Amino acid sequence: MKYISRRMEARIAEAFHSHPVVILTGPRQVGKSTLLEQAGFLKDWRYLTLDDADVLAQAKEDPKGLLSQDRPTIIDEIQRSPELLVTVKYFVDKSDRQRKFVLSGSGNISLRQAPRETLAGRAKYLHLTGFSSRELNPTLTAGVFDQIWEGKEAKPGDASSDGNMPQVVWRGCLPGVVLARNDKIALERMNSYVDTFIQRDIQDLVRIRHPEHFRRLMEALAQATGWESVQEELSKFCGETRTNVSRYMSLLKDTNLLYELKGYSVKGERAYKQAKYYWFDSGVACFLAGIHSSRGLGKTEIKGRYFENFVLQQIMSWASLQMITPELFYWRPKNGAAEVDFVIRSSGQVIGVEVKSSNEINFKDTRSMREFLAAHPEAGKGIIVYGGRKTYSVATNIYAIPWTAF
């Protein structure tokens, strides 16, 4: 199968200008190992994977011997031997920061905590998501979102995509699912992913007494994608205590499987603060919610919710490539019906993003965004991501952009 280049490749290469170590995290099966084995600028690097039993054994018993070759080195699945990080630090310091490493692994707790203590000041942390639209289709109109973010005028035009939006949302962005030959294989791979990489990996981190309750919690969170989730209600639904629900949700967040968005507000503003939750992948969210084909997205309100999840994962993919990772929120004032799905903030810059699955956007669709911009002078522009193909100005400082524009 031909390798599909990832935009993260350039970001990794760039990170070595300031750091000797790059730590690449992300959920399982988003393509970390494939990127590290196939990226052109890493071809001459030594590649080690701790999935290899012999390599893992030497990592634990003779770590200095394993890394003694004075070559730039990739260590995949580093979470299997967090103690190896001490040896990485040793060789980095011994070489006066000239020795280069890429460390990669699923975003579990052992990987997230240990390197921050061991490699402080030496490592740049990068996060890989599933495929972005532009990675899957390089002919797509590029840079529309970037133009708006950079304060430029978005040029009107058509997106060169005839993609079936419900089908794309249902499959999501996991490489193995996206590239499956047909929907039956895609569904089988999704089922395997949930059973193997989510439930079993979580149980490797913490003992879960009632796996069936944990599965019901994941299903409840998937069915409530994009809604404010109250732990007391989740507790009743899945049959677990609120303490365990809180613990399980923390695990899902720590393993990069669940995104938490808090309410956006400025000083003195009355706005909702209850968190919303989204899955890292719209295909996983659909599967856990019992939507086992794109036909299940036929109802507008259902399609809209998972389309919103899809757009968020595209925003997260874009955010992971920025020099300073933006913060993401949603906005909903307490004294009105307006709501903006996503608010992106970075270095004092703020942009609102709404998501609508319709094929056309007109002035009345901008009501919530106009209210948000009026209440927040710090927000320069608003974007409405929709299911059509054209980029155009729909109101003052508000642009409609196609769903493939990231």
Protein backbone atom coordinates (compact mmCIF):
# COMPACT_ATOMS: atom_id res chain seq x y z
CA MET A 1 0.00 0.00 0.00
CA LYS A 2 1.38 3.40 -0.99
CA TYR A 3 2.41 5.60 1.93
CA ILE A 4 0.29 8.72 2.38
CA SER A 5 2.52 11.60 3.48
CA ARG A 6 1.62 13.24 6.77
CA ARG A 7 1.80 16.98 7.35
CA MET A 8 3.36 16.23 10.74
CA GLU A 9 6.60 15.22 9.00
CA ALA A 10 7.61 18.84 8.43
CA ARG A 11 6.67 19.77 12.00
CA ILE A 12 8.93 17.02 13.42
CA ALA A 13 11.86 18.14 11.25
CA GLU A 14 11.30 21.74 12.34
CA ALA A 15 11.24 20.78 16.03
CA PHE A 16 14.83 19.52 15.88
CA HIS A 17 16.01 23.10 15.32
CA SER A 18 15.28 23.78 18.99
CA HIS A 19 15.17 20.39 20.74
CA PRO A 20 17.29 17.21 20.56
CA VAL A 21 14.31 14.97 21.38
CA VAL A 22 10.85 14.84 19.83
CA ILE A 23 8.12 12.90 21.62
CA LEU A 24 5.32 11.94 19.24
CA THR A 25 2.13 10.87 20.99
CA GLY A 26 -1.40 10.13 19.89
CA PRO A 27 -4.03 7.41 20.10
CA ARG A 28 -3.18 3.97 18.81
CA GLN A 29 -3.49 3.28 15.08
CA VAL A 30 -3.36 6.91 13.91
CA GLY A 31 -0.19 6.15 11.93
CA LYS A 32 2.71 7.07 14.23
CA SER A 33 4.82 3.99 13.46
CA THR A 34 4.11 4.20 9.73
CA LEU A 35 5.16 7.85 9.65
CA LEU A 36 8.42 7.13 11.48
CA GLU A 37 9.27 4.22 9.19
CA GLN A 38 8.32 5.96 5.93
CA ALA A 39 9.09 9.67 6.30
CA GLY A 40 11.89 10.59 3.90
CA PHE A 41 14.00 12.66 6.30
CA LEU A 42 14.07 9.77 8.80
CA LYS A 43 15.20 7.09 6.32
CA ASP A 44 18.79 7.02 7.63
CA TRP A 45 17.81 6.96 11.29
CA ARG A 46 18.15 3.81 13.37
CA TYR A 47 14.67 2.42 14.07
CA LEU A 48 13.93 0.45 17.24
CA THR A 49 10.54 -0.75 18.35
CA LEU A 50 9.84 -2.03 21.83
CA ASP A 51 7.19 -4.30 20.32
CA ASP A 52 10.21 -6.48 19.51
CA ALA A 53 10.70 -8.76 22.54
CA ASP A 54 14.49 -8.80 22.20
CA VAL A 55 14.73 -5.03 21.93
CA LEU A 56 12.41 -4.65 24.92
CA ALA A 57 14.48 -7.07 26.99
CA GLN A 58 17.68 -5.16 26.22
CA ALA A 59 15.95 -1.85 26.95
CA LYS A 60 15.22 -3.10 30.46
CA GLU A 61 18.48 -4.98 31.14
CA ASP A 62 21.12 -3.14 29.10
CA PRO A 63 19.75 0.25 28.03
CA LYS A 64 23.16 1.88 27.46
CA GLY A 65 24.20 -0.98 25.23
CA LEU A 66 20.99 -0.67 23.22
CA LEU A 67 21.57 3.02 22.53
CA SER A 68 25.38 2.98 22.31
CA GLN A 69 25.48 3.52 18.53
CA ASP A 70 26.11 7.22 17.93
CA ARG A 71 23.28 7.62 15.42
CA PRO A 72 20.02 9.53 15.39
CA THR A 73 17.54 7.02 16.76
CA ILE A 74 13.80 6.35 16.68
CA ILE A 75 12.36 4.42 19.61
CA ASP A 76 8.78 3.33 18.95
CA GLU A 77 6.35 2.14 21.64
CA ILE A 78 8.52 3.84 24.28
CA GLN A 79 5.72 3.51 26.86
CA ARG A 80 6.67 -0.17 27.23
CA SER A 81 9.90 0.86 28.97
CA PRO A 82 9.64 4.36 30.47
CA GLU A 83 12.91 3.74 32.35
CA LEU A 84 14.71 3.95 29.00
CA LEU A 85 14.10 7.71 29.09
CA VAL A 86 16.86 8.09 31.68
CA THR A 87 19.33 6.57 29.21
CA VAL A 88 18.08 8.84 26.41
CA LYS A 89 18.75 11.81 28.70
CA TYR A 90 22.25 10.45 29.42
CA PHE A 91 23.22 10.28 25.73
CA VAL A 92 21.65 13.64 24.91
CA ASP A 93 23.61 15.35 27.68
CA LYS A 94 26.81 13.42 26.95
CA SER A 95 26.72 14.61 23.33
CA ASP A 96 26.04 18.22 24.35
CA ARG A 97 22.54 17.88 22.84
CA GLN A 98 23.90 16.74 19.45
CA ARG A 99 22.41 13.23 19.66
CA LYS A 100 18.87 13.21 18.25
CA PHE A 101 15.96 10.99 19.23
CA VAL A 102 12.33 10.52 18.24
CA LEU A 103 10.32 8.76 20.92
CA SER A 104 6.86 7.55 20.02
CA GLY A 105 4.03 5.80 21.75
CA SER A 106 0.34 5.82 22.52
CA GLY A 107 -0.66 8.68 24.77
CA ASN A 108 -0.95 6.69 27.95
CA ILE A 109 -0.19 7.93 31.42
CA SER A 110 3.25 6.38 31.78
CA LEU A 111 4.44 8.13 28.63
CA ARG A 112 2.84 11.45 29.49
CA GLN A 113 4.24 11.72 33.01
CA ALA A 114 7.71 10.18 32.92
CA PRO A 115 9.36 12.24 30.16
CA ARG A 116 8.30 15.55 31.64
CA GLU A 117 10.37 14.69 34.71
CA THR A 118 13.27 13.07 32.83
CA LEU A 119 13.63 15.13 29.65
CA ALA A 120 12.66 18.58 30.88
CA GLY A 121 14.00 21.22 28.50
CA ARG A 122 15.20 18.61 26.03
CA ALA A 123 12.00 17.33 24.45
CA LYS A 124 9.38 18.83 22.16
CA TYR A 125 5.97 17.18 22.47
CA LEU A 126 3.95 16.71 19.30
CA HIS A 127 0.56 15.05 18.87
CA LEU A 128 -0.49 13.04 15.83
CA THR A 129 -4.16 12.74 14.93
CA GLY A 130 -5.85 10.64 12.28
CA PHE A 131 -5.80 11.74 8.64
CA SER A 132 -6.76 15.28 7.76
CA SER A 133 -8.83 15.96 4.65
CA ARG A 134 -5.83 17.47 2.85
CA GLU A 135 -3.66 14.44 3.59
CA LEU A 136 -6.22 12.13 2.00
CA ASN A 137 -6.82 14.42 -0.97
CA PRO A 138 -3.87 16.72 -1.78
CA THR A 139 -5.91 18.37 -4.57
CA LEU A 140 -8.21 20.03 -2.03
CA THR A 141 -8.17 23.80 -1.85
CA ALA A 142 -5.38 24.50 0.61
CA GLY A 143 -4.96 27.18 3.19
CA VAL A 144 -8.44 28.73 3.51
CA PHE A 145 -8.54 28.25 7.26
CA ASP A 146 -4.90 29.34 7.56
CA GLN A 147 -5.63 32.51 5.57
CA ILE A 148 -8.41 33.50 7.95
CA TRP A 149 -6.37 32.59 11.03
CA GLU A 150 -3.50 34.74 9.77
CA GLY A 151 -5.81 37.73 9.31
CA LYS A 152 -5.91 37.58 5.52
CA GLU A 153 -8.99 37.83 3.34
CA ALA A 154 -10.28 34.43 2.37
CA LYS A 155 -10.48 34.27 -1.39
CA PRO A 156 -13.84 33.11 -2.77
CA GLY A 157 -13.66 29.85 -4.64
CA ASP A 158 -14.74 26.22 -4.94
CA ALA A 159 -13.30 23.29 -3.03
CA SER A 160 -12.22 20.50 -5.38
CA SER A 161 -14.02 17.74 -3.50
CA ASP A 162 -16.95 15.55 -4.42
CA GLY A 163 -16.70 13.57 -1.17
CA ASN A 164 -19.78 11.99 0.37
CA MET A 165 -19.85 13.85 3.67
CA PRO A 166 -21.95 11.33 5.70
CA GLN A 167 -19.71 8.49 4.47
CA VAL A 168 -16.54 10.41 5.37
CA VAL A 169 -17.88 11.31 8.83
CA TRP A 170 -18.96 7.71 9.48
CA ARG A 171 -15.55 6.29 8.60
CA GLY A 172 -13.66 8.99 10.49
CA CYS A 173 -9.91 9.42 10.16
CA LEU A 174 -8.22 6.25 11.45
CA PRO A 175 -5.97 5.09 8.57
CA GLY A 176 -6.97 1.43 8.78
CA VAL A 177 -10.66 2.30 8.63
CA VAL A 178 -10.42 5.08 6.05
CA LEU A 179 -8.40 2.93 3.66
CA ALA A 180 -10.56 -0.21 4.01
CA ARG A 181 -11.79 -1.49 0.64
CA ASN A 182 -15.43 -1.54 1.68
CA ASP A 183 -17.70 -0.68 4.58
CA LYS A 184 -17.85 -4.26 5.88
CA ILE A 185 -14.09 -4.33 6.39
CA ALA A 186 -14.20 -0.82 7.83
CA LEU A 187 -16.82 -1.91 10.37
CA GLU A 188 -14.83 -5.02 11.34
CA ARG A 189 -11.71 -2.92 11.87
CA MET A 190 -13.62 -0.42 13.96
CA ASN A 191 -15.00 -3.21 16.13
CA SER A 192 -11.51 -4.62 16.59
CA TYR A 193 -10.15 -1.19 17.41
CA VAL A 194 -12.67 -0.59 20.18
CA ASP A 195 -12.26 -4.06 21.68
CA THR A 196 -8.48 -4.29 21.41
CA PHE A 197 -7.01 -0.83 21.55
CA ILE A 198 -9.48 0.96 23.77
CA GLN A 199 -10.88 -1.46 26.33
CA ARG A 200 -7.76 -3.64 26.70
CA ASP A 201 -5.30 -0.74 26.69
CA ILE A 202 -7.29 1.06 29.34
CA GLN A 203 -7.28 -2.10 31.48
CA ASP A 204 -3.49 -2.22 31.14
CA LEU A 205 -3.42 1.13 32.93
CA VAL A 206 -5.96 0.56 35.66
CA ARG A 207 -8.02 -2.34 36.93
CA ILE A 208 -11.65 -1.97 35.90
CA ARG A 209 -13.88 -4.23 37.97
CA HIS A 210 -16.85 -4.04 35.61
CA PRO A 211 -15.73 -3.68 31.97
CA GLU A 212 -19.35 -3.73 30.86
CA HIS A 213 -20.00 -0.55 32.84
CA PHE A 214 -16.99 1.10 31.24
CA ARG A 215 -18.28 0.11 27.79
CA ARG A 216 -21.69 1.63 28.60
CA LEU A 217 -19.98 4.84 29.71
CA MET A 218 -18.14 5.07 26.39
CA GLU A 219 -21.39 4.46 24.54
CA ALA A 220 -23.16 7.15 26.57
CA LEU A 221 -20.39 9.65 25.86
CA ALA A 222 -20.57 8.80 22.15
CA GLN A 223 -24.33 9.22 22.04
CA ALA A 224 -23.95 12.60 23.78
CA THR A 225 -21.15 13.81 21.49
CA GLY A 226 -21.02 17.59 21.60
CA TRP A 227 -23.46 17.90 24.49
CA GLU A 228 -22.79 18.97 28.05
CA SER A 229 -22.30 15.70 29.92
CA VAL A 230 -23.29 15.58 33.58
CA GLN A 231 -21.43 12.95 35.57
CA GLU A 232 -24.43 12.19 37.76
CA GLU A 233 -26.50 11.28 34.69
CA LEU A 234 -23.64 9.25 33.23
CA SER A 235 -23.30 7.42 36.54
CA LYS A 236 -26.95 6.36 36.48
CA PHE A 237 -26.76 5.28 32.85
CA CYS A 238 -23.71 3.04 33.15
CA GLY A 239 -24.25 1.76 36.71
CA GLU A 240 -21.02 3.14 38.16
CA THR A 241 -20.32 5.53 41.02
CA ARG A 242 -19.65 9.16 40.19
CA THR A 243 -16.11 8.67 41.48
CA ASN A 244 -15.46 5.87 39.00
CA VAL A 245 -17.12 7.78 36.16
CA SER A 246 -14.79 10.70 36.87
CA ARG A 247 -11.79 8.35 37.00
CA TYR A 248 -12.71 6.59 33.75
CA MET A 249 -13.27 9.88 31.93
CA SER A 250 -9.87 11.10 33.12
CA LEU A 251 -8.33 7.93 31.67
CA LEU A 252 -10.04 8.49 28.33
CA LYS A 253 -8.73 12.07 28.26
CA ASP A 254 -5.22 11.06 29.34
CA THR A 255 -5.04 8.49 26.55
CA ASN A 256 -6.09 11.12 23.97
CA LEU A 257 -9.33 9.29 23.19
CA LEU A 258 -11.71 11.91 24.57
CA TYR A 259 -11.53 15.68 24.14
CA GLU A 260 -12.93 17.99 26.79
CA LEU A 261 -14.06 21.49 25.81
CA LYS A 262 -14.90 24.04 28.47
CA GLY A 263 -17.06 27.11 28.08
CA TYR A 264 -15.41 30.29 26.82
CA SER A 265 -15.95 33.51 28.73
CA VAL A 266 -14.27 36.80 29.49
CA LYS A 267 -14.22 38.60 32.82
CA GLY A 268 -17.73 39.45 34.00
CA GLU A 269 -19.48 37.36 31.33
CA ARG A 270 -22.22 34.94 32.31
CA ALA A 271 -21.63 31.87 30.18
CA TYR A 272 -21.96 28.12 30.58
CA LYS A 273 -18.91 26.44 32.09
CA GLN A 274 -20.13 22.82 31.97
CA ALA A 275 -17.72 20.78 29.84
CA LYS A 276 -18.60 19.20 26.51
CA TYR A 277 -16.97 16.01 25.30
CA TYR A 278 -16.03 14.74 21.86
CA TRP A 279 -14.28 11.59 20.70
CA PHE A 280 -10.92 11.86 18.98
CA ASP A 281 -12.47 10.32 15.88
CA SER A 282 -15.96 10.66 14.44
CA GLY A 283 -15.88 7.06 13.20
CA VAL A 284 -15.20 5.74 16.71
CA ALA A 285 -17.97 7.98 18.06
CA CYS A 286 -20.43 6.65 15.47
CA PHE A 287 -19.50 3.03 16.19
CA LEU A 288 -19.85 3.39 19.96
CA ALA A 289 -23.18 5.17 19.47
CA GLY A 290 -24.49 2.18 17.51
CA ILE A 291 -24.32 3.85 14.08
CA HIS A 292 -22.90 1.03 11.97
CA SER A 293 -23.33 2.51 8.50
CA SER A 294 -23.47 5.97 6.97
CA ARG A 295 -27.23 5.49 6.56
CA GLY A 296 -27.48 5.94 10.31
CA LEU A 297 -26.52 9.59 9.76
CA GLY A 298 -29.63 10.24 7.69
CA LYS A 299 -31.43 12.38 10.27
CA THR A 300 -30.26 15.97 10.21
CA GLU A 301 -29.78 16.31 13.97
CA ILE A 302 -27.74 13.09 14.14
CA LYS A 303 -25.61 13.91 11.09
CA GLY A 304 -24.98 17.40 12.46
CA ARG A 305 -23.68 16.12 15.79
CA TYR A 306 -21.13 13.71 14.32
CA PHE A 307 -20.22 16.15 11.55
CA GLU A 308 -19.36 18.55 14.37
CA ASN A 309 -17.11 15.86 15.88
CA PHE A 310 -15.45 15.39 12.48
CA VAL A 311 -14.76 19.10 12.12
CA LEU A 312 -13.27 19.18 15.62
CA GLN A 313 -10.81 16.42 14.72
CA GLN A 314 -9.83 18.45 11.62
CA ILE A 315 -9.26 21.48 13.86
CA MET A 316 -7.19 19.32 16.22
CA SER A 317 -5.12 18.11 13.29
CA TRP A 318 -4.50 21.71 12.24
CA ALA A 319 -3.75 22.78 15.82
CA SER A 320 -1.15 20.03 16.24
CA LEU A 321 0.95 21.64 13.48
CA GLN A 322 1.09 25.12 15.03
CA MET A 323 4.18 26.45 16.79
CA ILE A 324 2.06 27.25 19.85
CA THR A 325 -0.83 24.83 20.33
CA PRO A 326 -4.11 26.79 20.42
CA GLU A 327 -6.69 26.39 23.18
CA LEU A 328 -10.18 25.21 22.22
CA PHE A 329 -13.50 26.12 23.88
CA TYR A 330 -17.19 26.43 23.06
CA TRP A 331 -19.37 29.47 23.80
CA ARG A 332 -22.92 29.59 25.11
CA PRO A 333 -24.24 32.60 27.06
CA LYS A 334 -26.61 31.95 29.96
CA ASN A 335 -29.05 34.62 28.90
CA GLY A 336 -29.77 33.55 25.33
CA ALA A 337 -30.17 30.78 22.78
CA ALA A 338 -26.99 31.55 20.85
CA GLU A 339 -24.14 29.05 20.74
CA VAL A 340 -20.81 28.87 18.93
CA ASP A 341 -19.49 25.34 18.60
CA PHE A 342 -15.77 26.09 18.88
CA VAL A 343 -13.69 29.03 19.98
CA ILE A 344 -9.99 28.90 19.11
CA ARG A 345 -7.58 31.06 21.13
CA SER A 346 -3.83 31.42 20.76
CA SER A 347 -1.42 34.24 21.64
CA GLY A 348 -4.28 36.64 22.21
CA GLN A 349 -5.98 35.83 18.91
CA VAL A 350 -9.54 34.47 18.99
CA ILE A 351 -11.73 33.03 16.23
CA GLY A 352 -15.18 31.50 16.49
CA VAL A 353 -16.14 28.41 14.48
CA GLU A 354 -19.66 27.15 13.90
CA VAL A 355 -20.50 23.89 12.18
CA LYS A 356 -23.56 23.35 9.98
CA SER A 357 -24.13 20.26 7.86
CA SER A 358 -26.34 22.05 5.32
CA ASN A 359 -25.14 22.60 1.75
CA GLU A 360 -25.75 26.36 1.80
CA ILE A 361 -25.22 29.16 4.34
CA ASN A 362 -27.07 32.47 4.34
CA PHE A 363 -27.26 35.52 6.59
CA LYS A 364 -29.77 34.09 9.06
CA ASP A 365 -27.35 31.23 9.78
CA THR A 366 -24.88 33.76 11.20
CA ARG A 367 -27.04 34.94 14.12
CA SER A 368 -25.10 33.15 16.86
CA MET A 369 -21.74 34.11 15.36
CA ARG A 370 -22.78 37.77 15.05
CA GLU A 371 -23.81 37.74 18.70
CA PHE A 372 -20.50 36.18 19.69
CA LEU A 373 -18.45 38.72 17.72
CA ALA A 374 -20.48 41.62 19.13
CA ALA A 375 -19.87 40.40 22.69
CA HIS A 376 -16.17 39.67 22.13
CA PRO A 377 -14.16 42.42 20.43
CA GLU A 378 -11.06 40.27 20.95
CA ALA A 379 -12.48 37.89 18.32
CA GLY A 380 -11.62 39.27 14.90
CA LYS A 381 -13.48 36.87 12.65
CA GLY A 382 -15.97 34.03 12.60
CA ILE A 383 -16.08 30.93 10.44
CA ILE A 384 -18.99 28.70 9.52
CA VAL A 385 -17.85 25.27 8.33
CA TYR A 386 -20.59 23.73 6.21
CA GLY A 387 -21.33 20.84 3.89
CA GLY A 388 -20.96 22.77 0.62
CA ARG A 389 -18.02 23.52 -1.65
CA LYS A 390 -17.68 27.31 -1.90
CA THR A 391 -15.72 29.77 0.24
CA TYR A 392 -17.43 33.15 0.54
CA SER A 393 -18.15 36.04 2.88
CA VAL A 394 -21.62 35.61 4.34
CA ALA A 395 -21.63 38.62 6.73
CA THR A 396 -19.18 41.21 8.04
CA ASN A 397 -16.08 39.32 9.28
CA ILE A 398 -17.90 35.98 8.89
CA TYR A 399 -16.90 33.44 6.26
CA ALA A 400 -18.52 30.24 5.08
CA ILE A 401 -15.86 27.64 4.27
CA PRO A 402 -16.20 24.06 2.98
CA TRP A 403 -15.81 21.12 5.33
CA THR A 404 -12.68 20.08 3.45
CA ALA A 405 -10.89 23.44 3.95
CA PHE A 406 -8.54 22.30 6.71
